[in-house]
C-alpha atoms as a PDB file:
ATOM      1  CA  MET A   1    -187.041 139.117-216.547  1.00  0.00           C
ATOM      2  CA  ALA A   2    -190.276 138.361-218.402  1.00  0.00           C
ATOM      3  CA  LYS A   3    -193.044 136.111-217.788  1.00  0.00           C
ATOM      4  CA  THR A   4    -193.264 133.615-220.193  1.00  0.00           C
ATOM      5  CA  ALA A   5    -195.438 130.642-221.116  1.00  0.00           C
ATOM      6  CA  PHE A   6    -193.971 127.517-223.288  1.00  0.00           C
ATOM      7  CA  LEU A   7    -196.173 124.994-224.976  1.00  0.00           C
ATOM      8  CA  GLY A   8    -194.954 122.174-226.647  1.00  0.00           C
ATOM      9  CA  LEU A   9    -192.124 120.055-225.116  1.00  0.00           C
ATOM     10  CA  GLY A  10    -190.670 117.800-227.728  1.00  0.00           C
ATOM     11  CA  VAL A  11    -187.104 117.315-228.826  1.00  0.00           C
ATOM     12  CA  MET A  12    -186.718 121.134-229.361  1.00  0.00           C
ATOM     13  CA  GLY A  13    -189.257 122.873-227.138  1.00  0.00           C
ATOM     14  CA  TYR A  14    -187.945 120.996-223.981  1.00  0.00           C
ATOM     15  CA  PRO A  15    -184.268 122.199-223.971  1.00  0.00           C
ATOM     16  CA  MET A  16    -185.651 125.819-225.548  1.00  0.00           C
ATOM     17  CA  ALA A  17    -187.691 126.270-222.069  1.00  0.00           C
ATOM     18  CA  GLY A  18    -185.077 125.002-220.252  1.00  0.00           C
ATOM     19  CA  HIS A  19    -182.683 127.950-221.470  1.00  0.00           C
ATOM     20  CA  LEU A  20    -185.363 130.351-220.872  1.00  0.00           C
ATOM     21  CA  ALA A  21    -185.355 129.430-217.321  1.00  0.00           C
ATOM     22  CA  ALA A  22    -181.909 129.035-216.966  1.00  0.00           C
ATOM     23  CA  ALA A  23    -181.758 132.688-218.382  1.00  0.00           C
ATOM     24  CA  GLY A  24    -184.020 133.902-215.360  1.00  0.00           C
ATOM     25  CA  HIS A  25    -187.232 133.962-217.050  1.00  0.00           C
ATOM     26  CA  GLU A  26    -190.552 133.203-214.984  1.00  0.00           C
ATOM     27  CA  VAL A  27    -191.505 129.899-217.073  1.00  0.00           C
ATOM     28  CA  THR A  28    -194.824 128.181-217.310  1.00  0.00           C
ATOM     29  CA  VAL A  29    -194.815 124.873-219.578  1.00  0.00           C
ATOM     30  CA  TRP A  30    -197.538 122.950-220.998  1.00  0.00           C
ATOM     31  CA  ASN A  31    -197.648 119.742-223.098  1.00  0.00           C
ATOM     32  CA  ARG A  32    -200.128 117.480-224.484  1.00  0.00           C
ATOM     33  CA  THR A  33    -198.462 114.522-222.393  1.00  0.00           C
ATOM     34  CA  THR A  34    -198.562 115.458-218.894  1.00  0.00           C
ATOM     35  CA  GLU A  35    -195.674 113.521-218.251  1.00  0.00           C
ATOM     36  CA  LYS A  36    -193.504 115.271-220.056  1.00  0.00           C
ATOM     37  CA  ALA A  37    -194.378 118.838-218.362  1.00  0.00           C
ATOM     38  CA  GLU A  38    -193.897 117.379-214.755  1.00  0.00           C
ATOM     39  CA  GLN A  39    -190.342 115.990-216.280  1.00  0.00           C
ATOM     40  CA  TRP A  40    -189.504 119.584-217.328  1.00  0.00           C
ATOM     41  CA  THR A  41    -190.308 120.770-213.891  1.00  0.00           C
ATOM     42  CA  SER A  42    -188.401 118.426-212.402  1.00  0.00           C
ATOM     43  CA  ASP A  43    -185.055 119.183-214.439  1.00  0.00           C
ATOM     44  CA  HIS A  44    -185.668 123.026-214.336  1.00  0.00           C
ATOM     45  CA  SER A  45    -187.082 126.216-212.432  1.00  0.00           C
ATOM     46  CA  GLY A  46    -190.720 126.575-213.507  1.00  0.00           C
ATOM     47  CA  LYS A  47    -194.407 125.571-213.166  1.00  0.00           C
ATOM     48  CA  ALA A  48    -196.365 123.081-215.224  1.00  0.00           C
ATOM     49  CA  ALA A  49    -199.992 123.793-216.429  1.00  0.00           C
ATOM     50  CA  ALA A  50    -202.990 122.049-217.015  1.00  0.00           C
ATOM     51  CA  THR A  51    -204.175 123.678-220.043  1.00  0.00           C
ATOM     52  CA  PRO A  52    -202.882 125.934-222.769  1.00  0.00           C
ATOM     53  CA  ALA A  53    -205.128 128.745-221.528  1.00  0.00           C
ATOM     54  CA  GLU A  54    -204.068 128.194-217.947  1.00  0.00           C
ATOM     55  CA  ALA A  55    -200.483 128.418-219.357  1.00  0.00           C
ATOM     56  CA  ILE A  56    -200.318 131.981-220.679  1.00  0.00           C
ATOM     57  CA  ARG A  57    -202.797 133.600-218.243  1.00  0.00           C
ATOM     58  CA  GLY A  58    -200.644 136.986-217.189  1.00  0.00           C
ATOM     59  CA  ALA A  59    -198.053 135.866-219.787  1.00  0.00           C
ATOM     60  CA  ASP A  60    -195.924 138.427-221.257  1.00  0.00           C
ATOM     61  CA  TYR A  61    -194.482 135.987-223.997  1.00  0.00           C
ATOM     62  CA  VAL A  62    -196.155 132.966-225.142  1.00  0.00           C
ATOM     63  CA  LEU A  63    -194.046 130.536-227.090  1.00  0.00           C
ATOM     64  CA  LEU A  64    -195.159 127.503-229.222  1.00  0.00           C
ATOM     65  CA  CYS A  65    -193.413 124.666-230.577  1.00  0.00           C
ATOM     66  CA  LEU A  66    -195.399 122.032-232.189  1.00  0.00           C
ATOM     67  CA  GLY A  67    -195.811 119.820-235.062  1.00  0.00           C
ATOM     68  CA  ASP A  68    -197.897 120.889-237.916  1.00  0.00           C
ATOM     69  CA  ASP A  69    -200.889 123.168-238.780  1.00  0.00           C
ATOM     70  CA  PRO A  70    -203.526 121.439-237.181  1.00  0.00           C
ATOM     71  CA  ASP A  71    -201.452 121.164-233.974  1.00  0.00           C
ATOM     72  CA  VAL A  72    -200.633 124.800-233.838  1.00  0.00           C
ATOM     73  CA  LEU A  73    -204.513 125.808-234.734  1.00  0.00           C
ATOM     74  CA  VAL A  74    -205.803 123.099-231.895  1.00  0.00           C
ATOM     75  CA  VAL A  75    -203.438 124.773-229.174  1.00  0.00           C
ATOM     76  CA  TYR A  76    -204.518 128.272-230.350  1.00  0.00           C
ATOM     77  CA  ASP A  77    -207.820 127.720-230.129  1.00  0.00           C
ATOM     78  CA  ALA A  78    -207.322 126.362-226.585  1.00  0.00           C
ATOM     79  CA  MET A  79    -205.567 129.490-225.246  1.00  0.00           C
ATOM     80  CA  ALA A  80    -207.625 131.956-227.341  1.00  0.00           C
ATOM     81  CA  ALA A  81    -209.730 132.687-224.350  1.00  0.00           C
ATOM     82  CA  GLY A  82    -206.442 133.727-222.227  1.00  0.00           C
ATOM     83  CA  ILE A  83    -204.840 135.930-224.818  1.00  0.00           C
ATOM     84  CA  GLU A  84    -204.505 139.325-223.718  1.00  0.00           C
ATOM     85  CA  PRO A  85    -203.555 142.528-224.897  1.00  0.00           C
ATOM     86  CA  GLY A  86    -199.565 143.419-225.134  1.00  0.00           C
ATOM     87  CA  MET A  87    -199.004 139.939-225.351  1.00  0.00           C
ATOM     88  CA  VAL A  88    -196.269 138.628-227.810  1.00  0.00           C
ATOM     89  CA  ILE A  89    -197.194 135.169-229.128  1.00  0.00           C
ATOM     90  CA  VAL A  90    -194.205 133.432-230.925  1.00  0.00           C
ATOM     91  CA  ASP A  91    -194.888 130.347-233.181  1.00  0.00           C
ATOM     92  CA  HIS A  92    -191.496 128.257-233.286  1.00  0.00           C
ATOM     93  CA  THR A  93    -193.423 125.425-235.363  1.00  0.00           C
ATOM     94  CA  THR A  94    -192.816 124.678-238.860  1.00  0.00           C
ATOM     95  CA  ALA A  95    -196.046 125.707-240.554  1.00  0.00           C
ATOM     96  CA  SER A  96    -197.568 127.326-243.702  1.00  0.00           C
ATOM     97  CA  ALA A  97    -197.367 130.919-244.021  1.00  0.00           C
ATOM     98  CA  GLN A  98    -201.142 131.228-244.375  1.00  0.00           C
ATOM     99  CA  LEU A  99    -201.691 130.016-240.970  1.00  0.00           C
ATOM    100  CA  ALA A 100    -199.125 132.530-239.944  1.00  0.00           C
ATOM    101  CA  ARG A 101    -200.990 135.273-241.372  1.00  0.00           C
ATOM    102  CA  ASP A 102    -204.620 133.870-240.088  1.00  0.00           C
ATOM    103  CA  LEU A 103    -202.980 133.821-236.601  1.00  0.00           C
ATOM    104  CA  TYR A 104    -201.728 137.061-236.670  1.00  0.00           C
ATOM    105  CA  GLU A 105    -204.897 138.696-237.712  1.00  0.00           C
ATOM    106  CA  ARG A 106    -206.697 136.795-234.792  1.00  0.00           C
ATOM    107  CA  SER A 107    -203.968 137.800-232.288  1.00  0.00           C
ATOM    108  CA  ALA A 108    -204.257 141.509-233.487  1.00  0.00           C
ATOM    109  CA  GLY A 109    -207.770 141.239-233.063  1.00  0.00           C
ATOM    110  CA  ALA A 110    -207.382 140.586-228.996  1.00  0.00           C
ATOM    111  CA  GLY A 111    -204.353 143.135-228.929  1.00  0.00           C
ATOM    112  CA  ALA A 112    -201.782 140.668-229.125  1.00  0.00           C
ATOM    113  CA  ALA A 113    -198.986 140.596-231.649  1.00  0.00           C
ATOM    114  CA  PHE A 114    -197.853 137.347-233.236  1.00  0.00           C
ATOM    115  CA  ILE A 115    -194.693 136.600-234.825  1.00  0.00           C
ATOM    116  CA  ASP A 116    -194.141 133.369-236.948  1.00  0.00           C
ATOM    117  CA  ALA A 117    -190.587 132.200-236.154  1.00  0.00           C
ATOM    118  CA  PRO A 118    -189.649 129.009-237.066  1.00  0.00           C
ATOM    119  CA  ILE A 119    -186.213 127.738-236.447  1.00  0.00           C
ATOM    120  CA  SER A 120    -183.305 125.765-237.758  1.00  0.00           C
ATOM    121  CA  GLY A 121    -180.136 123.894-236.241  1.00  0.00           C
ATOM    122  CA  GLY A 122    -181.881 120.675-234.931  1.00  0.00           C
ATOM    123  CA  GLN A 123    -181.674 119.180-231.565  1.00  0.00           C
ATOM    124  CA  ALA A 124    -178.248 119.709-231.035  1.00  0.00           C
ATOM    125  CA  GLY A 125    -178.925 123.514-231.801  1.00  0.00           C
ATOM    126  CA  ALA A 126    -181.682 123.705-229.406  1.00  0.00           C
ATOM    127  CA  GLU A 127    -179.748 121.881-226.407  1.00  0.00           C
ATOM    128  CA  LYS A 128    -176.846 124.249-227.186  1.00  0.00           C
ATOM    129  CA  GLY A 129    -179.000 127.513-227.381  1.00  0.00           C
ATOM    130  CA  GLN A 130    -177.733 128.086-230.663  1.00  0.00           C
ATOM    131  CA  LEU A 131    -180.545 128.053-233.068  1.00  0.00           C
ATOM    132  CA  THR A 132    -181.113 130.029-236.031  1.00  0.00           C
ATOM    133  CA  ILE A 133    -184.748 131.647-236.264  1.00  0.00           C
ATOM    134  CA  MET A 134    -186.431 133.117-239.227  1.00  0.00           C
ATOM    135  CA  CYS A 135    -189.060 135.326-238.267  1.00  0.00           C
ATOM    136  CA  GLY A 136    -192.162 137.031-239.880  1.00  0.00           C
ATOM    137  CA  GLY A 137    -194.402 140.056-238.140  1.00  0.00           C
ATOM    138  CA  ASP A 138    -193.933 143.345-237.075  1.00  0.00           C
ATOM    139  CA  GLY A 139    -190.670 145.304-236.175  1.00  0.00           C
ATOM    140  CA  GLU A 140    -191.917 146.201-232.957  1.00  0.00           C
ATOM    141  CA  ALA A 141    -193.222 142.824-231.646  1.00  0.00           C
ATOM    142  CA  PHE A 142    -190.017 141.420-233.354  1.00  0.00           C
ATOM    143  CA  SER A 143    -187.724 143.406-231.236  1.00  0.00           C
ATOM    144  CA  ARG A 144    -189.861 142.505-227.916  1.00  0.00           C
ATOM    145  CA  ALA A 145    -189.632 138.934-228.540  1.00  0.00           C
ATOM    146  CA  GLU A 146    -186.164 139.095-229.816  1.00  0.00           C
ATOM    147  CA  SER A 147    -185.032 139.964-226.093  1.00  0.00           C
ATOM    148  CA  VAL A 148    -186.513 136.639-225.017  1.00  0.00           C
ATOM    149  CA  MET A 149    -185.437 134.468-227.764  1.00  0.00           C
ATOM    150  CA  THR A 150    -181.952 135.206-227.130  1.00  0.00           C
ATOM    151  CA  ALA A 151    -181.889 132.834-224.510  1.00  0.00           C
ATOM    152  CA  TYR A 152    -181.986 129.906-227.172  1.00  0.00           C
ATOM    153  CA  GLY A 153    -181.051 131.665-230.461  1.00  0.00           C
ATOM    154  CA  LYS A 154    -177.796 132.754-231.820  1.00  0.00           C
ATOM    155  CA  ARG A 155    -179.279 134.474-234.949  1.00  0.00           C
ATOM    156  CA  MET A 156    -182.442 136.190-234.958  1.00  0.00           C
ATOM    157  CA  THR A 157    -183.836 137.613-238.124  1.00  0.00           C
ATOM    158  CA  LEU A 158    -187.189 139.566-239.346  1.00  0.00           C
ATOM    159  CA  ILE A 159    -187.305 138.469-242.783  1.00  0.00           C
ATOM    160  CA  GLY A 160    -190.596 140.564-243.598  1.00  0.00           C
ATOM    161  CA  ASP A 161    -194.359 140.994-242.877  1.00  0.00           C
ATOM    162  CA  SER A 162    -196.550 137.979-241.301  1.00  0.00           C
ATOM    163  CA  GLY A 163    -195.568 134.527-242.958  1.00  0.00           C
ATOM    164  CA  ALA A 164    -192.235 135.457-244.046  1.00  0.00           C
ATOM    165  CA  GLY A 165    -190.544 133.402-241.684  1.00  0.00           C
ATOM    166  CA  GLN A 166    -192.180 130.422-242.432  1.00  0.00           C
ATOM    167  CA  LEU A 167    -191.910 131.025-246.548  1.00  0.00           C
ATOM    168  CA  ALA A 168    -187.816 131.509-245.341  1.00  0.00           C
ATOM    169  CA  LYS A 169    -187.626 128.296-243.560  1.00  0.00           C
ATOM    170  CA  SER A 170    -189.398 126.724-246.848  1.00  0.00           C
ATOM    171  CA  VAL A 171    -186.270 128.283-248.461  1.00  0.00           C
ATOM    172  CA  ASN A 172    -184.046 126.489-245.790  1.00  0.00           C
ATOM    173  CA  GLN A 173    -185.487 123.255-246.415  1.00  0.00           C
ATOM    174  CA  ILE A 174    -185.011 123.403-250.089  1.00  0.00           C
ATOM    175  CA  CYS A 175    -181.554 124.292-249.830  1.00  0.00           C
ATOM    176  CA  ILE A 176    -180.994 121.374-247.259  1.00  0.00           C
ATOM    177  CA  ALA A 177    -182.543 118.927-249.352  1.00  0.00           C
ATOM    178  CA  GLY A 178    -180.535 119.519-252.122  1.00  0.00           C
ATOM    179  CA  ILE A 179    -177.591 119.530-250.237  1.00  0.00           C
ATOM    180  CA  VAL A 180    -178.038 116.157-248.325  1.00  0.00           C
ATOM    181  CA  GLN A 181    -178.873 114.526-251.727  1.00  0.00           C
ATOM    182  CA  GLY A 182    -175.572 115.575-253.429  1.00  0.00           C
ATOM    183  CA  LEU A 183    -173.617 114.436-250.221  1.00  0.00           C
ATOM    184  CA  ALA A 184    -175.215 111.088-250.337  1.00  0.00           C
ATOM    185  CA  GLU A 185    -174.163 110.455-254.128  1.00  0.00           C
ATOM    186  CA  GLY A 186    -170.857 111.910-253.159  1.00  0.00           C
ATOM    187  CA  LEU A 187    -170.189 109.299-250.892  1.00  0.00           C
ATOM    188  CA  HIS A 188    -171.803 106.500-252.565  1.00  0.00           C
ATOM    189  CA  PHE A 189    -169.783 107.165-255.640  1.00  0.00           C
ATOM    190  CA  ALA A 190    -166.475 107.374-253.535  1.00  0.00           C
ATOM    191  CA  ASP A 191    -167.261 103.932-251.960  1.00  0.00           C
ATOM    192  CA  GLN A 192    -168.411 102.622-255.175  1.00  0.00           C
ATOM    193  CA  ALA A 193    -165.136 103.812-256.591  1.00  0.00           C
ATOM    194  CA  GLY A 194    -163.123 101.921-253.684  1.00  0.00           C
ATOM    195  CA  LEU A 195    -161.867 105.015-252.336  1.00  0.00           C
ATOM    196  CA  ASP A 196    -161.134 105.950-248.610  1.00  0.00           C
ATOM    197  CA  ILE A 197    -164.086 107.874-247.619  1.00  0.00           C
ATOM    198  CA  ALA A 198    -162.195 109.960-244.911  1.00  0.00           C
ATOM    199  CA  LYS A 199    -159.426 110.823-246.990  1.00  0.00           C
ATOM    200  CA  VAL A 200    -161.831 112.188-249.792  1.00  0.00           C
ATOM    201  CA  ILE A 201    -163.548 114.277-247.029  1.00  0.00           C
ATOM    202  CA  GLU A 202    -160.368 115.612-245.788  1.00  0.00           C
ATOM    203  CA  ALA A 203    -159.156 116.785-249.343  1.00  0.00           C
ATOM    204  CA  ILE A 204    -162.522 118.343-250.313  1.00  0.00           C
ATOM    205  CA  SER A 205    -164.167 119.600-247.418  1.00  0.00           C
ATOM    206  CA  GLY A 206    -161.582 122.730-247.144  1.00  0.00           C
ATOM    207  CA  GLY A 207    -163.050 123.555-250.732  1.00  0.00           C
ATOM    208  CA  ALA A 208    -165.966 124.745-253.003  1.00  0.00           C
ATOM    209  CA  ALA A 209    -167.784 121.072-251.939  1.00  0.00           C
ATOM    210  CA  GLN A 210    -168.055 122.327-247.917  1.00  0.00           C
ATOM    211  CA  SER A 211    -171.237 122.189-245.980  1.00  0.00           C
ATOM    212  CA  TRP A 212    -172.515 121.813-242.585  1.00  0.00           C
ATOM    213  CA  GLN A 213    -174.130 118.508-243.839  1.00  0.00           C
ATOM    214  CA  MET A 214    -170.691 117.347-245.050  1.00  0.00           C
ATOM    215  CA  ASP A 215    -168.697 118.592-241.492  1.00  0.00           C
ATOM    216  CA  ASN A 216    -171.509 116.879-239.425  1.00  0.00           C
ATOM    217  CA  ARG A 217    -173.191 114.023-241.193  1.00  0.00           C
ATOM    218  CA  TRP A 218    -170.203 112.407-243.398  1.00  0.00           C
ATOM    219  CA  GLU A 219    -168.938 110.019-240.728  1.00  0.00           C
ATOM    220  CA  THR A 220    -172.393 108.852-239.407  1.00  0.00           C
ATOM    221  CA  MET A 221    -173.071 108.586-243.034  1.00  0.00           C
ATOM    222  CA  ARG A 222    -170.710 106.147-243.873  1.00  0.00           C
ATOM    223  CA  ASP A 223    -170.941 104.226-240.845  1.00  0.00           C
ATOM    224  CA  GLY A 224    -175.120 103.689-241.852  1.00  0.00           C
ATOM    225  CA  HIS A 225    -175.879 105.219-238.336  1.00  0.00           C
ATOM    226  CA  TYR A 226    -179.125 107.650-238.677  1.00  0.00           C
ATOM    227  CA  GLU A 227    -180.717 107.050-235.346  1.00  0.00           C
ATOM    228  CA  HIS A 228    -180.149 110.626-234.378  1.00  0.00           C
ATOM    229  CA  GLY A 229    -180.927 114.626-235.631  1.00  0.00           C
ATOM    230  CA  PHE A 230    -183.990 115.490-237.597  1.00  0.00           C
ATOM    231  CA  ALA A 231    -186.296 112.936-238.269  1.00  0.00           C
ATOM    232  CA  VAL A 232    -187.413 112.125-242.059  1.00  0.00           C
ATOM    233  CA  ASP A 233    -190.924 112.498-241.179  1.00  0.00           C
ATOM    234  CA  TRP A 234    -190.580 115.991-240.186  1.00  0.00           C
ATOM    235  CA  MET A 235    -188.564 116.706-243.308  1.00  0.00           C
ATOM    236  CA  ARG A 236    -191.188 115.377-245.448  1.00  0.00           C
ATOM    237  CA  LYS A 237    -193.726 117.521-243.302  1.00  0.00           C
ATOM    238  CA  ASP A 238    -191.685 120.717-244.048  1.00  0.00           C
ATOM    239  CA  LEU A 239    -191.172 119.503-248.110  1.00  0.00           C
ATOM    240  CA  ARG A 240    -194.834 119.229-248.251  1.00  0.00           C
ATOM    241  CA  ILE A 241    -195.341 122.787-246.875  1.00  0.00           C
ATOM    242  CA  ALA A 242    -192.552 123.797-249.323  1.00  0.00           C
ATOM    243  CA  LEU A 243    -193.744 122.332-252.295  1.00  0.00           C
ATOM    244  CA  ASP A 244    -197.750 123.235-251.771  1.00  0.00           C
ATOM    245  CA  THR A 245    -196.671 126.789-251.553  1.00  0.00           C
ATOM    246  CA  ALA A 246    -194.430 126.338-254.861  1.00  0.00           C
ATOM    247  CA  ARG A 247    -197.502 125.017-256.818  1.00  0.00           C
ATOM    248  CA  ALA A 248    -199.343 128.007-255.363  1.00  0.00           C
ATOM    249  CA  ASN A 249    -196.862 130.742-256.192  1.00  0.00           C
ATOM    250  CA  GLY A 250    -195.482 129.135-259.224  1.00  0.00           C
ATOM    251  CA  ALA A 251    -192.050 128.517-258.448  1.00  0.00           C
ATOM    252  CA  SER A 252    -190.492 125.641-260.086  1.00  0.00           C
ATOM    253  CA  VAL A 253    -188.814 123.157-257.560  1.00  0.00           C
ATOM    254  CA  PRO A 254    -188.014 119.958-259.507  1.00  0.00           C
ATOM    255  CA  LEU A 255    -185.125 118.833-257.454  1.00  0.00           C
ATOM    256  CA  THR A 256    -187.057 119.317-253.938  1.00  0.00           C
ATOM    257  CA  ALA A 257    -190.100 117.216-255.325  1.00  0.00           C
ATOM    258  CA  MET A 258    -187.627 114.319-256.433  1.00  0.00           C
ATOM    259  CA  VAL A 259    -185.730 114.317-253.042  1.00  0.00           C
ATOM    260  CA  ASP A 260    -189.015 114.484-251.273  1.00  0.00           C
ATOM    261  CA  GLN A 261    -190.170 111.217-252.947  1.00  0.00           C
ATOM    262  CA  TYR A 262    -186.518 109.558-252.210  1.00  0.00           C
ATOM    263  CA  TYR A 263    -187.445 110.423-248.484  1.00  0.00           C
ATOM    264  CA  ALA A 264    -190.562 108.454-249.049  1.00  0.00           C
ATOM    265  CA  ASP A 265    -188.631 105.477-250.242  1.00  0.00           C
ATOM    266  CA  ILE A 266    -186.699 105.857-246.891  1.00  0.00           C
ATOM    267  CA  GLN A 267    -190.067 105.664-245.066  1.00  0.00           C
ATOM    268  CA  ALA A 268    -190.743 102.726-247.074  1.00  0.00           C
ATOM    269  CA  MET A 269    -187.451 101.199-245.514  1.00  0.00           C
ATOM    270  CA  GLY A 270    -188.739 101.765-242.120  1.00  0.00           C
ATOM    271  CA  GLY A 271    -186.675 104.760-241.702  1.00  0.00           C
ATOM    272  CA  ASN A 272    -189.477 107.219-240.339  1.00  0.00           C
ATOM    273  CA  ARG A 273    -187.436 108.667-237.471  1.00  0.00           C
ATOM    274  CA  TRP A 274    -183.949 108.321-238.992  1.00  0.00           C
ATOM    275  CA  ASP A 275    -182.116 111.520-239.727  1.00  0.00           C
ATOM    276  CA  THR A 276    -182.352 113.051-242.930  1.00  0.00           C
ATOM    277  CA  SER A 277    -178.773 111.937-243.882  1.00  0.00           C
ATOM    278  CA  SER A 278    -180.272 108.800-244.515  1.00  0.00           C
ATOM    279  CA  LEU A 279    -180.930 109.223-248.097  1.00  0.00           C
ATOM    280  CA  LEU A 280    -177.481 107.189-248.574  1.00  0.00           C
ATOM    281  CA  ALA A 281    -179.266 104.329-247.350  1.00  0.00           C
ATOM    282  CA  ARG A 282    -181.696 104.018-250.359  1.00  0.00           C
ATOM    283  CA  LEU A 283    -178.361 103.956-252.434  1.00  0.00           C
ATOM    284  CA  GLY A 284    -177.008 100.813-251.037  1.00  0.00           C
ATOM    285  CA  ARG A 285    -175.494 101.792-247.237  1.00  0.00           C
ATOM    286  CA  SER A 286    -177.981 100.120-244.986  1.00  0.00           C
ATOM    287  CA  ASN A 287    -178.916 101.431-241.359  1.00  0.00           C
ATOM    288  CA  GLY A 288    -176.593 100.148-238.653  1.00  0.00           C
END
């Protein structure tokens, strides 16, 4: 079993670190809010550290699950003095590919490996240990990290060089944005047409219209229940990264840009923390 440090105990990181402990790894956690780290140690086998540098001391694997580029950079800077040769640093934050490349170079300068490894599967996937993980970095470091990530991941894929994992996560979010908007419009159309939505879903979910979003979100969307799942604020952050990258590489993503603005409408409605399926709310079905 490995000596690990897990930094960032949000809705995703908290259960992920718990799966590491349950798998028998030695886990030291750090969180910006000390109370959350203390709560984690009361729920799981492991210890809490007062600083990022203290958390990673002597670790074989350092795992990050934070909010955005600035958060990752602040924490990386805070732990930089403790980075040792042979460490594998795995960043599960959805952040920019450029940041991943920069931290890959900084880590290599200290003799450590860096893998960008954004995740998909939402809070439910984290709690069940069934996350999909898209990785960028060196093959040898990925193979080492994979042995640890299996504690909470069901599928881990090395996409390519450093930054490729983050780019793949943008692809993931671009695809989701279009699918959720299509599902929202379909449910809205069915409602306006006076159809029994449950029967419509029963009829079409076994065909080409089927999707994870349809299977897992149609009922809560129909009922106007959005107090769960992946928050709109976080989706807009991810789409900002995708749109910034598209502008830089020349990719045409007009649908993504449009859906991003629809999510801005949801934020204006007070739905910052609603699930991303709340796109239906702006078409006439209210939260609650």
